[in-house]
Amino acid sequence: MQDFKLYEYAVIRALPKVEREEFFNVGLILFCKKEKYIRAEYILNKEKLNYFFNEDQFEDLENNLQSFINIARGEKSSGNIATLDIPERFRWLNAVRSSCVQTSRPHAGLTQNLDRTFERLFEELVK
């Protein structure tokens, strides 16, 4: 019998103007409790985003996204949230918030290979 793993993922979004609720998919976070796995990455297309963010906003966005990734990775320099266990970090990262970085609602799936699934979802939903 093949060993399938239950995972959850959320798309990371950048919102140029939060009040307008317009967003761009810029990253992905994937979590599997059974495997103690969490992975988050982002990519910014500066050419495209320059139409919606000025230089200062773009720099803030990139800093916020990097903090998001550092928390997912559990880098202690990112504060107390980064020291939580993996399920708690995932829940905190995909909590509903009103900021320039938000996530979609979490979605679930089954996979045999978490990294391959992350790469496929990142390609389909972000790039």
C-alpha atoms as a PDB file:
ATOM      1  CA  MET A   1       0.000   0.000   0.000  1.00  0.00           C
ATOM      2  CA  GLN A   2       1.283   3.423  -0.931  1.00  0.00           C
ATOM      3  CA  ASP A   3       1.866   5.884   1.900  1.00  0.00           C
ATOM      4  CA  PHE A   4      -0.148   9.022   1.215  1.00  0.00           C
ATOM      5  CA  LYS A   5       0.298  12.084   3.366  1.00  0.00           C
ATOM      6  CA  LEU A   6      -2.427  14.587   4.163  1.00  0.00           C
ATOM      7  CA  TYR A   7      -1.247  18.150   3.553  1.00  0.00           C
ATOM      8  CA  GLU A   8      -2.674  21.642   3.670  1.00  0.00           C
ATOM      9  CA  TYR A   9      -1.602  24.629   1.631  1.00  0.00           C
ATOM     10  CA  ALA A  10      -2.444  28.291   1.268  1.00  0.00           C
ATOM     11  CA  VAL A  11      -1.520  30.765  -1.436  1.00  0.00           C
ATOM     12  CA  ILE A  12       0.357  33.858  -0.253  1.00  0.00           C
ATOM     13  CA  ARG A  13      -1.071  37.047  -1.733  1.00  0.00           C
ATOM     14  CA  ALA A  14       0.160  40.621  -2.097  1.00  0.00           C
ATOM     15  CA  LEU A  15      -2.476  43.337  -1.878  1.00  0.00           C
ATOM     16  CA  PRO A  16      -1.480  46.722  -3.312  1.00  0.00           C
ATOM     17  CA  LYS A  17      -4.524  48.406  -1.750  1.00  0.00           C
ATOM     18  CA  VAL A  18      -6.057  46.308   0.996  1.00  0.00           C
ATOM     19  CA  GLU A  19      -9.349  48.209   0.900  1.00  0.00           C
ATOM     20  CA  ARG A  20      -9.890  47.251  -2.769  1.00  0.00           C
ATOM     21  CA  GLU A  21      -9.353  43.539  -2.051  1.00  0.00           C
ATOM     22  CA  GLU A  22      -7.313  43.107  -5.243  1.00  0.00           C
ATOM     23  CA  PHE A  23      -4.395  40.739  -4.955  1.00  0.00           C
ATOM     24  CA  PHE A  24      -1.580  38.944  -6.739  1.00  0.00           C
ATOM     25  CA  ASN A  25      -0.520  35.407  -5.925  1.00  0.00           C
ATOM     26  CA  VAL A  26       3.127  35.701  -4.911  1.00  0.00           C
ATOM     27  CA  GLY A  27       3.871  32.607  -2.847  1.00  0.00           C
ATOM     28  CA  LEU A  28       2.800  29.352  -1.304  1.00  0.00           C
ATOM     29  CA  ILE A  29       2.922  27.684   2.089  1.00  0.00           C
ATOM     30  CA  LEU A  30       2.471  23.924   2.415  1.00  0.00           C
ATOM     31  CA  PHE A  31       2.208  22.014   5.684  1.00  0.00           C
ATOM     32  CA  CYS A  32       1.999  18.332   6.685  1.00  0.00           C
ATOM     33  CA  LYS A  33       1.549  17.555  10.371  1.00  0.00           C
ATOM     34  CA  LYS A  34       2.418  13.844  10.056  1.00  0.00           C
ATOM     35  CA  GLU A  35       5.777  14.578   8.429  1.00  0.00           C
ATOM     36  CA  LYS A  36       6.485  17.725  10.518  1.00  0.00           C
ATOM     37  CA  TYR A  37       6.879  19.517   7.211  1.00  0.00           C
ATOM     38  CA  ILE A  38       6.374  23.167   6.392  1.00  0.00           C
ATOM     39  CA  ARG A  39       7.656  24.960   3.328  1.00  0.00           C
ATOM     40  CA  ALA A  40       7.021  28.486   2.141  1.00  0.00           C
ATOM     41  CA  GLU A  41       8.413  30.400  -0.804  1.00  0.00           C
ATOM     42  CA  TYR A  42       7.577  33.522  -2.743  1.00  0.00           C
ATOM     43  CA  ILE A  43       8.545  35.163  -6.007  1.00  0.00           C
ATOM     44  CA  LEU A  44       8.033  38.796  -6.950  1.00  0.00           C
ATOM     45  CA  ASN A  45       7.761  39.976 -10.523  1.00  0.00           C
ATOM     46  CA  LYS A  46       9.023  43.519  -9.954  1.00  0.00           C
ATOM     47  CA  GLU A  47       8.235  44.596 -13.514  1.00  0.00           C
ATOM     48  CA  LYS A  48       4.580  43.629 -13.076  1.00  0.00           C
ATOM     49  CA  LEU A  49       4.231  44.847  -9.496  1.00  0.00           C
ATOM     50  CA  ASN A  50       5.791  48.255 -10.260  1.00  0.00           C
ATOM     51  CA  TYR A  51       2.441  49.218 -11.760  1.00  0.00           C
ATOM     52  CA  PHE A  52       0.772  48.721  -8.389  1.00  0.00           C
ATOM     53  CA  PHE A  53       3.451  49.362  -5.749  1.00  0.00           C
ATOM     54  CA  ASN A  54       5.825  52.306  -5.525  1.00  0.00           C
ATOM     55  CA  GLU A  55       9.467  51.603  -4.622  1.00  0.00           C
ATOM     56  CA  ASP A  56       8.954  52.053  -0.858  1.00  0.00           C
ATOM     57  CA  GLN A  57       5.848  49.863  -0.853  1.00  0.00           C
ATOM     58  CA  PHE A  58       7.673  47.216  -2.879  1.00  0.00           C
ATOM     59  CA  GLU A  59      10.535  47.160  -0.367  1.00  0.00           C
ATOM     60  CA  ASP A  60       8.053  46.859   2.525  1.00  0.00           C
ATOM     61  CA  LEU A  61       6.250  44.051   0.710  1.00  0.00           C
ATOM     62  CA  GLU A  62       9.479  42.160   0.172  1.00  0.00           C
ATOM     63  CA  ASN A  63      10.469  42.597   3.834  1.00  0.00           C
ATOM     64  CA  ASN A  64       7.045  41.383   4.982  1.00  0.00           C
ATOM     65  CA  LEU A  65       7.214  38.358   2.704  1.00  0.00           C
ATOM     66  CA  GLN A  66      10.705  37.483   3.903  1.00  0.00           C
ATOM     67  CA  SER A  67       9.506  37.677   7.512  1.00  0.00           C
ATOM     68  CA  PHE A  68       6.627  35.388   6.560  1.00  0.00           C
ATOM     69  CA  ILE A  69       9.084  32.847   5.098  1.00  0.00           C
ATOM     70  CA  ASN A  70      11.425  33.127   8.095  1.00  0.00           C
ATOM     71  CA  ILE A  71       8.565  32.405  10.484  1.00  0.00           C
ATOM     72  CA  ALA A  72       7.552  29.366   8.429  1.00  0.00           C
ATOM     73  CA  ARG A  73      11.142  28.114   8.611  1.00  0.00           C
ATOM     74  CA  GLY A  74      11.183  28.611  12.375  1.00  0.00           C
ATOM     75  CA  GLU A  75      14.057  31.082  12.380  1.00  0.00           C
ATOM     76  CA  LYS A  76      14.212  32.223  15.992  1.00  0.00           C
ATOM     77  CA  SER A  77      15.429  35.683  14.973  1.00  0.00           C
ATOM     78  CA  SER A  78      11.901  36.233  13.578  1.00  0.00           C
ATOM     79  CA  GLY A  79      10.347  36.390  17.043  1.00  0.00           C
ATOM     80  CA  ASN A  80       8.148  34.275  19.278  1.00  0.00           C
ATOM     81  CA  ILE A  81       5.809  33.090  16.518  1.00  0.00           C
ATOM     82  CA  ALA A  82       8.752  31.387  14.786  1.00  0.00           C
ATOM     83  CA  THR A  83       9.384  29.295  17.914  1.00  0.00           C
ATOM     84  CA  LEU A  84       5.918  27.723  17.854  1.00  0.00           C
ATOM     85  CA  ASP A  85       5.575  24.172  16.610  1.00  0.00           C
ATOM     86  CA  ILE A  86       4.869  23.631  12.904  1.00  0.00           C
ATOM     87  CA  PRO A  87       1.044  23.309  13.068  1.00  0.00           C
ATOM     88  CA  GLU A  88       0.773  26.468  15.170  1.00  0.00           C
ATOM     89  CA  ARG A  89       3.067  28.408  12.800  1.00  0.00           C
ATOM     90  CA  PHE A  90       0.986  27.300   9.810  1.00  0.00           C
ATOM     91  CA  ARG A  91      -2.252  28.355  11.539  1.00  0.00           C
ATOM     92  CA  TRP A  92      -0.771  31.716  12.509  1.00  0.00           C
ATOM     93  CA  LEU A  93       0.572  32.357   9.003  1.00  0.00           C
ATOM     94  CA  ASN A  94      -2.730  31.619   7.287  1.00  0.00           C
ATOM     95  CA  ALA A  95      -4.917  33.446   9.822  1.00  0.00           C
ATOM     96  CA  VAL A  96      -7.220  36.084   8.370  1.00  0.00           C
ATOM     97  CA  ARG A  97      -5.523  39.465   8.473  1.00  0.00           C
ATOM     98  CA  SER A  98      -5.903  42.923   7.050  1.00  0.00           C
ATOM     99  CA  SER A  99      -2.459  43.734   5.676  1.00  0.00           C
ATOM    100  CA  CYS A 100      -0.577  43.890   2.396  1.00  0.00           C
ATOM    101  CA  VAL A 101       0.345  40.180   2.785  1.00  0.00           C
ATOM    102  CA  GLN A 102      -2.521  37.715   3.184  1.00  0.00           C
ATOM    103  CA  THR A 103      -3.189  34.068   2.423  1.00  0.00           C
ATOM    104  CA  SER A 104      -5.998  32.196   0.777  1.00  0.00           C
ATOM    105  CA  ARG A 105      -8.129  29.884   2.853  1.00  0.00           C
ATOM    106  CA  PRO A 106      -6.283  26.612   3.435  1.00  0.00           C
ATOM    107  CA  HIS A 107      -6.866  23.733   1.040  1.00  0.00           C
ATOM    108  CA  ALA A 108      -6.144  20.057   1.705  1.00  0.00           C
ATOM    109  CA  GLY A 109      -4.864  17.194  -0.395  1.00  0.00           C
ATOM    110  CA  LEU A 110      -3.079  13.849  -0.372  1.00  0.00           C
ATOM    111  CA  THR A 111       0.369  13.215  -1.772  1.00  0.00           C
ATOM    112  CA  GLN A 112       3.247  10.789  -1.680  1.00  0.00           C
ATOM    113  CA  ASN A 113       5.856  13.478  -2.275  1.00  0.00           C
ATOM    114  CA  LEU A 114       5.487  16.787  -0.457  1.00  0.00           C
ATOM    115  CA  ASP A 115       8.303  18.601  -2.280  1.00  0.00           C
ATOM    116  CA  ARG A 116       7.012  17.573  -5.701  1.00  0.00           C
ATOM    117  CA  THR A 117       3.496  18.668  -4.726  1.00  0.00           C
ATOM    118  CA  PHE A 118       4.830  22.006  -3.486  1.00  0.00           C
ATOM    119  CA  GLU A 119       6.676  22.569  -6.777  1.00  0.00           C
ATOM    120  CA  ARG A 120       3.582  21.677  -8.844  1.00  0.00           C
ATOM    121  CA  LEU A 121       1.279  23.954  -6.829  1.00  0.00           C
ATOM    122  CA  PHE A 122       3.817  26.792  -6.883  1.00  0.00           C
ATOM    123  CA  GLU A 123       4.077  26.514 -10.666  1.00  0.00           C
ATOM    124  CA  GLU A 124       0.293  26.372 -11.161  1.00  0.00           C
ATOM    125  CA  LEU A 125      -0.798  28.995  -8.636  1.00  0.00           C
ATOM    126  CA  VAL A 126       2.066  31.466  -8.365  1.00  0.00           C
ATOM    127  CA  LYS A 127       4.374  31.561 -11.374  1.00  0.00           C
END
